[in-house]
Amino acid sequence: MYVVYEILNGVKRQVGMTETEAGAKRSVTCALKRVSKYKRPIAIRYAYMSAEDWKNRPVKMKKVRSLMSGAEVEIPEDTPRCCDPSSELYWSM
């Protein structure tokens, strides 16, 4: 298994998984072609690694303030917005 991820502002975020390395390479190529269609430059990169390496990579933690309780919470830097307690999206689901 291989994980395809994007790198934006130094943060790695998973965008997909494939069974083979060839499938991961194809996914990265397609993602880069999609991004290159934008008129303005976008500082986003795509890459892939094995699922085991992805699971064992070091993840930085960041502190955010929960919208409901106001308490500070530590979450992984690559947490999607829908799982971030400091976003309205998290509380509206």
PDB file of N, CA and C in Angstrom:
ATOM      1  N   MET A   1       0.837  -1.179   0.000  1.00  0.00           N
ATOM      2  CA  MET A   1       0.000   0.000   0.000  1.00  0.00           C
ATOM      3  C   MET A   1       0.884   1.246   0.000  1.00  0.00           C
ATOM      4  N   TYR A   2       0.419   2.259  -0.738  1.00  0.00           N
ATOM      5  CA  TYR A   2       1.135   3.528  -0.830  1.00  0.00           C
ATOM      6  C   TYR A   2       0.172   4.674  -0.534  1.00  0.00           C
ATOM      7  N   VAL A   3       0.693   5.677   0.132  1.00  0.00           N
ATOM      8  CA  VAL A   3      -0.090   6.863   0.480  1.00  0.00           C
ATOM      9  C   VAL A   3       0.335   8.006  -0.425  1.00  0.00           C
ATOM     10  N   VAL A   4      -0.633   8.678  -1.045  1.00  0.00           N
ATOM     11  CA  VAL A   4      -0.378   9.872  -1.844  1.00  0.00           C
ATOM     12  C   VAL A   4      -0.735  11.057  -0.951  1.00  0.00           C
ATOM     13  N   TYR A   5       0.171  12.040  -0.877  1.00  0.00           N
ATOM     14  CA  TYR A   5      -0.073  13.179  -0.001  1.00  0.00           C
ATOM     15  C   TYR A   5       0.316  14.477  -0.675  1.00  0.00           C
ATOM     16  N   GLU A   6      -0.253  15.576  -0.180  1.00  0.00           N
ATOM     17  CA  GLU A   6       0.089  16.903  -0.671  1.00  0.00           C
ATOM     18  C   GLU A   6       0.903  17.618   0.397  1.00  0.00           C
ATOM     19  N   ILE A   7       1.773  18.503  -0.048  1.00  0.00           N
ATOM     20  CA  ILE A   7       2.578  19.306   0.861  1.00  0.00           C
ATOM     21  C   ILE A   7       2.230  20.763   0.593  1.00  0.00           C
ATOM     22  N   LEU A   8       1.653  21.411   1.587  1.00  0.00           N
ATOM     23  CA  LEU A   8       1.271  22.814   1.466  1.00  0.00           C
ATOM     24  C   LEU A   8       1.753  23.539   2.710  1.00  0.00           C
ATOM     25  N   ASN A   9       2.607  24.527   2.523  1.00  0.00           N
ATOM     26  CA  ASN A   9       3.208  25.278   3.631  1.00  0.00           C
ATOM     27  C   ASN A   9       3.928  24.364   4.618  1.00  0.00           C
ATOM     28  N   GLY A  10       4.573  23.332   4.104  1.00  0.00           N
ATOM     29  CA  GLY A  10       5.348  22.424   4.944  1.00  0.00           C
ATOM     30  C   GLY A  10       4.540  21.364   5.658  1.00  0.00           C
ATOM     31  N   VAL A  11       3.228  21.353   5.478  1.00  0.00           N
ATOM     32  CA  VAL A  11       2.362  20.383   6.144  1.00  0.00           C
ATOM     33  C   VAL A  11       1.968  19.296   5.153  1.00  0.00           C
ATOM     34  N   LYS A  12       2.166  18.045   5.555  1.00  0.00           N
ATOM     35  CA  LYS A  12       1.794  16.911   4.702  1.00  0.00           C
ATOM     36  C   LYS A  12       0.386  16.461   5.068  1.00  0.00           C
ATOM     37  N   ARG A  13      -0.463  16.280   4.040  1.00  0.00           N
ATOM     38  CA  ARG A  13      -1.848  15.859   4.259  1.00  0.00           C
ATOM     39  C   ARG A  13      -2.181  14.747   3.275  1.00  0.00           C
ATOM     40  N   GLN A  14      -2.691  13.632   3.791  1.00  0.00           N
ATOM     41  CA  GLN A  14      -3.023  12.488   2.948  1.00  0.00           C
ATOM     42  C   GLN A  14      -4.180  12.824   2.030  1.00  0.00           C
ATOM     43  N   VAL A  15      -4.039  12.460   0.745  1.00  0.00           N
ATOM     44  CA  VAL A  15      -5.130  12.687  -0.207  1.00  0.00           C
ATOM     45  C   VAL A  15      -5.611  11.390  -0.856  1.00  0.00           C
ATOM     46  N   GLY A  16      -4.910  10.293  -0.635  1.00  0.00           N
ATOM     47  CA  GLY A  16      -5.357   9.038  -1.223  1.00  0.00           C
ATOM     48  C   GLY A  16      -4.445   7.876  -0.908  1.00  0.00           C
ATOM     49  N   MET A  17      -4.898   6.667  -1.268  1.00  0.00           N
ATOM     50  CA  MET A  17      -4.099   5.449  -1.088  1.00  0.00           C
ATOM     51  C   MET A  17      -4.232   4.594  -2.338  1.00  0.00           C
ATOM     52  N   THR A  18      -3.149   3.892  -2.682  1.00  0.00           N
ATOM     53  CA  THR A  18      -3.179   2.971  -3.814  1.00  0.00           C
ATOM     54  C   THR A  18      -2.509   1.663  -3.421  1.00  0.00           C
ATOM     55  N   GLU A  19      -2.794   0.636  -4.176  1.00  0.00           N
ATOM     56  CA  GLU A  19      -2.224  -0.682  -3.907  1.00  0.00           C
ATOM     57  C   GLU A  19      -0.780  -0.794  -4.397  1.00  0.00           C
ATOM     58  N   THR A  20      -0.465  -0.148  -5.534  1.00  0.00           N
ATOM     59  CA  THR A  20       0.848  -0.321  -6.152  1.00  0.00           C
ATOM     60  C   THR A  20       1.606   1.000  -6.238  1.00  0.00           C
ATOM     61  N   GLU A  21       2.915   0.889  -6.394  1.00  0.00           N
ATOM     62  CA  GLU A  21       3.738   2.083  -6.551  1.00  0.00           C
ATOM     63  C   GLU A  21       3.425   2.780  -7.873  1.00  0.00           C
ATOM     64  N   ALA A  22       3.141   1.997  -8.911  1.00  0.00           N
ATOM     65  CA  ALA A  22       2.793   2.582 -10.213  1.00  0.00           C
ATOM     66  C   ALA A  22       1.509   3.410 -10.094  1.00  0.00           C
ATOM     67  N   GLY A  23       0.538   2.924  -9.343  1.00  0.00           N
ATOM     68  CA  GLY A  23      -0.700   3.665  -9.128  1.00  0.00           C
ATOM     69  C   GLY A  23      -0.447   4.959  -8.373  1.00  0.00           C
ATOM     70  N   ALA A  24       0.476   4.931  -7.410  1.00  0.00           N
ATOM     71  CA  ALA A  24       0.818   6.131  -6.650  1.00  0.00           C
ATOM     72  C   ALA A  24       1.489   7.161  -7.554  1.00  0.00           C
ATOM     73  N   LYS A  25       2.404   6.705  -8.414  1.00  0.00           N
ATOM     74  CA  LYS A  25       3.074   7.617  -9.349  1.00  0.00           C
ATOM     75  C   LYS A  25       2.057   8.264 -10.290  1.00  0.00           C
ATOM     76  N   ARG A  26       1.111   7.466 -10.766  1.00  0.00           N
ATOM     77  CA  ARG A  26       0.078   7.970 -11.671  1.00  0.00           C
ATOM     78  C   ARG A  26      -0.796   9.014 -10.965  1.00  0.00           C
ATOM     79  N   SER A  27      -1.148   8.754  -9.712  1.00  0.00           N
ATOM     80  CA  SER A  27      -1.960   9.699  -8.943  1.00  0.00           C
ATOM     81  C   SER A  27      -1.238  11.024  -8.743  1.00  0.00           C
ATOM     82  N   VAL A  28       0.059  10.962  -8.452  1.00  0.00           N
ATOM     83  CA  VAL A  28       0.847  12.184  -8.263  1.00  0.00           C
ATOM     84  C   VAL A  28       0.919  12.970  -9.567  1.00  0.00           C
ATOM     85  N   THR A  29       1.151  12.270 -10.680  1.00  0.00           N
ATOM     86  CA  THR A  29       1.226  12.934 -11.981  1.00  0.00           C
ATOM     87  C   THR A  29      -0.088  13.626 -12.325  1.00  0.00           C
ATOM     88  N   CYS A  30      -1.208  12.941 -12.123  1.00  0.00           N
ATOM     89  CA  CYS A  30      -2.521  13.538 -12.413  1.00  0.00           C
ATOM     90  C   CYS A  30      -2.792  14.745 -11.524  1.00  0.00           C
ATOM     91  N   ALA A  31      -2.446  14.658 -10.249  1.00  0.00           N
ATOM     92  CA  ALA A  31      -2.666  15.773  -9.328  1.00  0.00           C
ATOM     93  C   ALA A  31      -1.845  16.983  -9.744  1.00  0.00           C
ATOM     94  N   LEU A  32      -0.601  16.770 -10.141  1.00  0.00           N
ATOM     95  CA  LEU A  32       0.249  17.882 -10.571  1.00  0.00           C
ATOM     96  C   LEU A  32      -0.285  18.522 -11.850  1.00  0.00           C
ATOM     97  N   LYS A  33      -0.837  17.718 -12.754  1.00  0.00           N
ATOM     98  CA  LYS A  33      -1.422  18.282 -13.979  1.00  0.00           C
ATOM     99  C   LYS A  33      -2.661  19.120 -13.662  1.00  0.00           C
ATOM    100  N   ARG A  34      -3.474  18.659 -12.713  1.00  0.00           N
ATOM    101  CA  ARG A  34      -4.659  19.420 -12.309  1.00  0.00           C
ATOM    102  C   ARG A  34      -4.262  20.780 -11.731  1.00  0.00           C
ATOM    103  N   VAL A  35      -3.250  20.785 -10.875  1.00  0.00           N
ATOM    104  CA  VAL A  35      -2.813  22.020 -10.227  1.00  0.00           C
ATOM    105  C   VAL A  35      -2.198  22.970 -11.243  1.00  0.00           C
ATOM    106  N   SER A  36      -1.511  22.452 -12.260  1.00  0.00           N
ATOM    107  CA  SER A  36      -0.835  23.309 -13.236  1.00  0.00           C
ATOM    108  C   SER A  36      -1.823  24.047 -14.147  1.00  0.00           C
ATOM    109  N   LYS A  37      -3.090  23.674 -14.146  1.00  0.00           N
ATOM    110  CA  LYS A  37      -4.098  24.338 -14.985  1.00  0.00           C
ATOM    111  C   LYS A  37      -4.505  25.703 -14.436  1.00  0.00           C
ATOM    112  N   TYR A  38      -4.218  25.956 -13.139  1.00  0.00           N
ATOM    113  CA  TYR A  38      -4.565  27.253 -12.549  1.00  0.00           C
ATOM    114  C   TYR A  38      -3.698  28.346 -13.144  1.00  0.00           C
ATOM    115  N   LYS A  39      -4.266  29.524 -13.305  1.00  0.00           N
ATOM    116  CA  LYS A  39      -3.536  30.655 -13.885  1.00  0.00           C
ATOM    117  C   LYS A  39      -2.503  31.222 -12.917  1.00  0.00           C
ATOM    118  N   ARG A  40      -2.808  31.182 -11.635  1.00  0.00           N
ATOM    119  CA  ARG A  40      -1.882  31.746 -10.656  1.00  0.00           C
ATOM    120  C   ARG A  40      -1.019  30.621 -10.070  1.00  0.00           C
ATOM    121  N   PRO A  41       0.199  30.945  -9.643  1.00  0.00           N
ATOM    122  CA  PRO A  41       1.060  29.904  -9.069  1.00  0.00           C
ATOM    123  C   PRO A  41       0.538  29.445  -7.709  1.00  0.00           C
ATOM    124  N   ILE A  42       0.545  28.151  -7.500  1.00  0.00           N
ATOM    125  CA  ILE A  42       0.096  27.580  -6.242  1.00  0.00           C
ATOM    126  C   ILE A  42       1.262  26.788  -5.652  1.00  0.00           C
ATOM    127  N   ALA A  43       1.564  27.068  -4.406  1.00  0.00           N
ATOM    128  CA  ALA A  43       2.703  26.413  -3.749  1.00  0.00           C
ATOM    129  C   ALA A  43       2.263  25.084  -3.147  1.00  0.00           C
ATOM    130  N   ILE A  44       1.864  24.168  -3.988  1.00  0.00           N
ATOM    131  CA  ILE A  44       1.424  22.856  -3.516  1.00  0.00           C
ATOM    132  C   ILE A  44       2.212  21.792  -4.269  1.00  0.00           C
ATOM    133  N   ARG A  45       2.630  20.787  -3.558  1.00  0.00           N
ATOM    134  CA  ARG A  45       3.366  19.685  -4.174  1.00  0.00           C
ATOM    135  C   ARG A  45       2.703  18.379  -3.770  1.00  0.00           C
ATOM    136  N   TYR A  46       2.887  17.367  -4.594  1.00  0.00           N
ATOM    137  CA  TYR A  46       2.352  16.043  -4.304  1.00  0.00           C
ATOM    138  C   TYR A  46       3.487  15.040  -4.299  1.00  0.00           C
ATOM    139  N   ALA A  47       3.369  14.015  -3.468  1.00  0.00           N
ATOM    140  CA  ALA A  47       4.377  12.959  -3.393  1.00  0.00           C
ATOM    141  C   ALA A  47       3.692  11.701  -2.856  1.00  0.00           C
ATOM    142  N   TYR A  48       4.460  10.631  -2.735  1.00  0.00           N
ATOM    143  CA  TYR A  48       3.910   9.394  -2.186  1.00  0.00           C
ATOM    144  C   TYR A  48       4.974   8.672  -1.380  1.00  0.00           C
ATOM    145  N   MET A  49       4.535   7.809  -0.478  1.00  0.00           N
ATOM    146  CA  MET A  49       5.424   6.952   0.300  1.00  0.00           C
ATOM    147  C   MET A  49       4.639   5.722   0.718  1.00  0.00           C
ATOM    148  N   SER A  50       5.355   4.733   1.222  1.00  0.00           N
ATOM    149  CA  SER A  50       4.667   3.506   1.627  1.00  0.00           C
ATOM    150  C   SER A  50       3.789   3.796   2.842  1.00  0.00           C
ATOM    151  N   ALA A  51       2.738   3.029   2.989  1.00  0.00           N
ATOM    152  CA  ALA A  51       1.796   3.234   4.090  1.00  0.00           C
ATOM    153  C   ALA A  51       2.492   3.056   5.437  1.00  0.00           C
ATOM    154  N   GLU A  52       3.444   2.141   5.513  1.00  0.00           N
ATOM    155  CA  GLU A  52       4.170   1.917   6.770  1.00  0.00           C
ATOM    156  C   GLU A  52       5.024   3.138   7.136  1.00  0.00           C
ATOM    157  N   ASP A  53       5.702   3.716   6.136  1.00  0.00           N
ATOM    158  CA  ASP A  53       6.486   4.927   6.389  1.00  0.00           C
ATOM    159  C   ASP A  53       5.580   6.085   6.793  1.00  0.00           C
ATOM    160  N   TRP A  54       4.405   6.196   6.165  1.00  0.00           N
ATOM    161  CA  TRP A  54       3.458   7.266   6.498  1.00  0.00           C
ATOM    162  C   TRP A  54       3.002   7.146   7.954  1.00  0.00           C
ATOM    163  N   LYS A  55       2.737   5.914   8.372  1.00  0.00           N
ATOM    164  CA  LYS A  55       2.252   5.681   9.729  1.00  0.00           C
ATOM    165  C   LYS A  55       3.324   6.021  10.773  1.00  0.00           C
ATOM    166  N   ASN A  56       4.594   5.788  10.437  1.00  0.00           N
ATOM    167  CA  ASN A  56       5.685   5.976  11.391  1.00  0.00           C
ATOM    168  C   ASN A  56       6.366   7.334  11.297  1.00  0.00           C
ATOM    169  N   ARG A  57       5.881   8.238  10.441  1.00  0.00           N
ATOM    170  CA  ARG A  57       6.536   9.534  10.282  1.00  0.00           C
ATOM    171  C   ARG A  57       6.266  10.407  11.511  1.00  0.00           C
ATOM    172  N   PRO A  58       7.197  11.297  11.836  1.00  0.00           N
ATOM    173  CA  PRO A  58       6.938  12.202  12.960  1.00  0.00           C
ATOM    174  C   PRO A  58       5.930  13.279  12.545  1.00  0.00           C
ATOM    175  N   VAL A  59       4.981  13.559  13.407  1.00  0.00           N
ATOM    176  CA  VAL A  59       3.954  14.559  13.113  1.00  0.00           C
ATOM    177  C   VAL A  59       4.050  15.672  14.160  1.00  0.00           C
ATOM    178  N   LYS A  60       4.155  16.911  13.681  1.00  0.00           N
ATOM    179  CA  LYS A  60       4.184  18.047  14.601  1.00  0.00           C
ATOM    180  C   LYS A  60       2.780  18.286  15.143  1.00  0.00           C
ATOM    181  N   MET A  61       2.717  18.748  16.371  1.00  0.00           N
ATOM    182  CA  MET A  61       1.439  19.072  16.992  1.00  0.00           C
ATOM    183  C   MET A  61       1.276  20.585  17.025  1.00  0.00           C
ATOM    184  N   LYS A  62       0.030  21.038  16.921  1.00  0.00           N
ATOM    185  CA  LYS A  62      -0.235  22.474  17.031  1.00  0.00           C
ATOM    186  C   LYS A  62      -1.341  22.686  18.052  1.00  0.00           C
ATOM    187  N   LYS A  63      -1.314  23.855  18.694  1.00  0.00           N
ATOM    188  CA  LYS A  63      -2.328  24.180  19.693  1.00  0.00           C
ATOM    189  C   LYS A  63      -3.402  25.039  19.041  1.00  0.00           C
ATOM    190  N   VAL A  64      -4.651  24.660  19.262  1.00  0.00           N
ATOM    191  CA  VAL A  64      -5.789  25.431  18.764  1.00  0.00           C
ATOM    192  C   VAL A  64      -6.764  25.633  19.919  1.00  0.00           C
ATOM    193  N   ARG A  65      -7.613  26.627  19.797  1.00  0.00           N
ATOM    194  CA  ARG A  65      -8.605  26.904  20.825  1.00  0.00           C
ATOM    195  C   ARG A  65      -9.961  26.380  20.356  1.00  0.00           C
ATOM    196  N   SER A  66     -10.568  25.529  21.154  1.00  0.00           N
ATOM    197  CA  SER A  66     -11.879  24.967  20.839  1.00  0.00           C
ATOM    198  C   SER A  66     -12.927  26.065  20.827  1.00  0.00           C
ATOM    199  N   LEU A  67     -13.782  26.061  19.811  1.00  0.00           N
ATOM    200  CA  LEU A  67     -14.827  27.079  19.715  1.00  0.00           C
ATOM    201  C   LEU A  67     -15.893  26.934  20.799  1.00  0.00           C
ATOM    202  N   MET A  68     -16.181  25.723  21.219  1.00  0.00           N
ATOM    203  CA  MET A  68     -17.259  25.508  22.188  1.00  0.00           C
ATOM    204  C   MET A  68     -16.820  25.761  23.624  1.00  0.00           C
ATOM    205  N   SER A  69     -15.697  25.171  24.026  1.00  0.00           N
ATOM    206  CA  SER A  69     -15.283  25.288  25.423  1.00  0.00           C
ATOM    207  C   SER A  69     -14.277  26.402  25.657  1.00  0.00           C
ATOM    208  N   GLY A  70     -13.572  26.820  24.605  1.00  0.00           N
ATOM    209  CA  GLY A  70     -12.547  27.843  24.760  1.00  0.00           C
ATOM    210  C   GLY A  70     -11.230  27.296  25.270  1.00  0.00           C
ATOM    211  N   ALA A  71     -11.169  25.990  25.498  1.00  0.00           N
ATOM    212  CA  ALA A  71      -9.945  25.362  25.997  1.00  0.00           C
ATOM    213  C   ALA A  71      -8.952  25.162  24.862  1.00  0.00           C
ATOM    214  N   GLU A  72      -7.664  25.188  25.204  1.00  0.00           N
ATOM    215  CA  GLU A  72      -6.637  24.899  24.203  1.00  0.00           C
ATOM    216  C   GLU A  72      -6.511  23.399  24.035  1.00  0.00           C
ATOM    217  N   VAL A  73      -6.423  22.965  22.784  1.00  0.00           N
ATOM    218  CA  VAL A  73      -6.341  21.548  22.447  1.00  0.00           C
ATOM    219  C   VAL A  73      -5.147  21.352  21.522  1.00  0.00           C
ATOM    220  N   GLU A  74      -4.418  20.260  21.696  1.00  0.00           N
ATOM    221  CA  GLU A  74      -3.320  19.932  20.789  1.00  0.00           C
ATOM    222  C   GLU A  74      -3.809  18.919  19.775  1.00  0.00           C
ATOM    223  N   ILE A  75      -3.600  19.245  18.495  1.00  0.00           N
ATOM    224  CA  ILE A  75      -3.988  18.340  17.421  1.00  0.00           C
ATOM    225  C   ILE A  75      -2.818  18.206  16.450  1.00  0.00           C
ATOM    226  N   PRO A  76      -2.733  17.105  15.690  1.00  0.00           N
ATOM    227  CA  PRO A  76      -1.679  16.976  14.675  1.00  0.00           C
ATOM    228  C   PRO A  76      -1.808  18.079  13.625  1.00  0.00           C
ATOM    229  N   GLU A  77      -0.670  18.518  13.102  1.00  0.00           N
ATOM    230  CA  GLU A  77      -0.649  19.605  12.131  1.00  0.00           C
ATOM    231  C   GLU A  77      -1.408  19.273  10.846  1.00  0.00           C
ATOM    232  N   ASP A  78      -1.462  17.988  10.493  1.00  0.00           N
ATOM    233  CA  ASP A  78      -2.106  17.590   9.244  1.00  0.00           C
ATOM    234  C   ASP A  78      -3.583  17.218   9.421  1.00  0.00           C
ATOM    235  N   THR A  79      -4.181  17.643  10.513  1.00  0.00           N
ATOM    236  CA  THR A  79      -5.596  17.356  10.770  1.00  0.00           C
ATOM    237  C   THR A  79      -6.470  18.112   9.775  1.00  0.00           C
ATOM    238  N   PRO A  80      -7.393  17.435   9.088  1.00  0.00           N
ATOM    239  CA  PRO A  80      -8.288  18.150   8.171  1.00  0.00           C
ATOM    240  C   PRO A  80      -9.207  19.103   8.931  1.00  0.00           C
ATOM    241  N   ARG A  81      -9.684  20.134   8.249  1.00  0.00           N
ATOM    242  CA  ARG A  81     -10.511  21.153   8.877  1.00  0.00           C
ATOM    243  C   ARG A  81     -11.780  20.578   9.505  1.00  0.00           C
ATOM    244  N   CYS A  82     -12.324  19.532   8.901  1.00  0.00           N
ATOM    245  CA  CYS A  82     -13.567  18.960   9.432  1.00  0.00           C
ATOM    246  C   CYS A  82     -13.352  18.263  10.780  1.00  0.00           C
ATOM    247  N   CYS A  83     -12.101  17.984  11.143  1.00  0.00           N
ATOM    248  CA  CYS A  83     -11.790  17.339  12.422  1.00  0.00           C
ATOM    249  C   CYS A  83     -11.098  18.289  13.396  1.00  0.00           C
ATOM    250  N   ASP A  84     -11.055  19.563  13.067  1.00  0.00           N
ATOM    251  CA  ASP A  84     -10.374  20.572  13.876  1.00  0.00           C
ATOM    252  C   ASP A  84     -11.397  21.293  14.756  1.00  0.00           C
ATOM    253  N   PRO A  85     -11.317  21.151  16.098  1.00  0.00           N
ATOM    254  CA  PRO A  85     -12.325  21.763  16.972  1.00  0.00           C
ATOM    255  C   PRO A  85     -12.304  23.287  16.979  1.00  0.00           C
ATOM    256  N   SER A  86     -11.320  23.913  16.322  1.00  0.00           N
ATOM    257  CA  SER A  86     -11.300  25.375  16.243  1.00  0.00           C
ATOM    258  C   SER A  86     -12.032  25.893  15.019  1.00  0.00           C
ATOM    259  N   SER A  87     -12.622  24.986  14.229  1.00  0.00           N
ATOM    260  CA  SER A  87     -13.349  25.416  13.029  1.00  0.00           C
ATOM    261  C   SER A  87     -14.859  25.215  13.221  1.00  0.00           C
ATOM    262  N   GLU A  88     -15.614  26.073  12.576  1.00  0.00           N
ATOM    263  CA  GLU A  88     -17.074  25.955  12.654  1.00  0.00           C
ATOM    264  C   GLU A  88     -17.558  24.685  11.967  1.00  0.00           C
ATOM    265  N   LEU A  89     -16.835  24.252  10.941  1.00  0.00           N
ATOM    266  CA  LEU A  89     -17.208  23.046  10.226  1.00  0.00           C
ATOM    267  C   LEU A  89     -17.258  21.842  11.163  1.00  0.00           C
ATOM    268  N   TYR A  90     -16.320  21.749  12.074  1.00  0.00           N
ATOM    269  CA  TYR A  90     -16.254  20.648  13.036  1.00  0.00           C
ATOM    270  C   TYR A  90     -17.533  20.590  13.887  1.00  0.00           C
ATOM    271  N   TRP A  91     -17.982  21.737  14.357  1.00  0.00           N
ATOM    272  CA  TRP A  91     -19.130  21.769  15.253  1.00  0.00           C
ATOM    273  C   TRP A  91     -20.472  21.744  14.523  1.00  0.00           C
ATOM    274  N   SER A  92     -20.482  21.956  13.224  1.00  0.00           N
ATOM    275  CA  SER A  92     -21.753  21.960  12.492  1.00  0.00           C
ATOM    276  C   SER A  92     -22.086  20.602  11.891  1.00  0.00           C
ATOM    277  N   MET A  93     -21.197  19.646  12.018  1.00  0.00           N
ATOM    278  CA  MET A  93     -21.446  18.327  11.420  1.00  0.00           C
ATOM    279  C   MET A  93     -22.273  17.452  12.321  1.00  0.00           C
TER     280      MET A  93
END
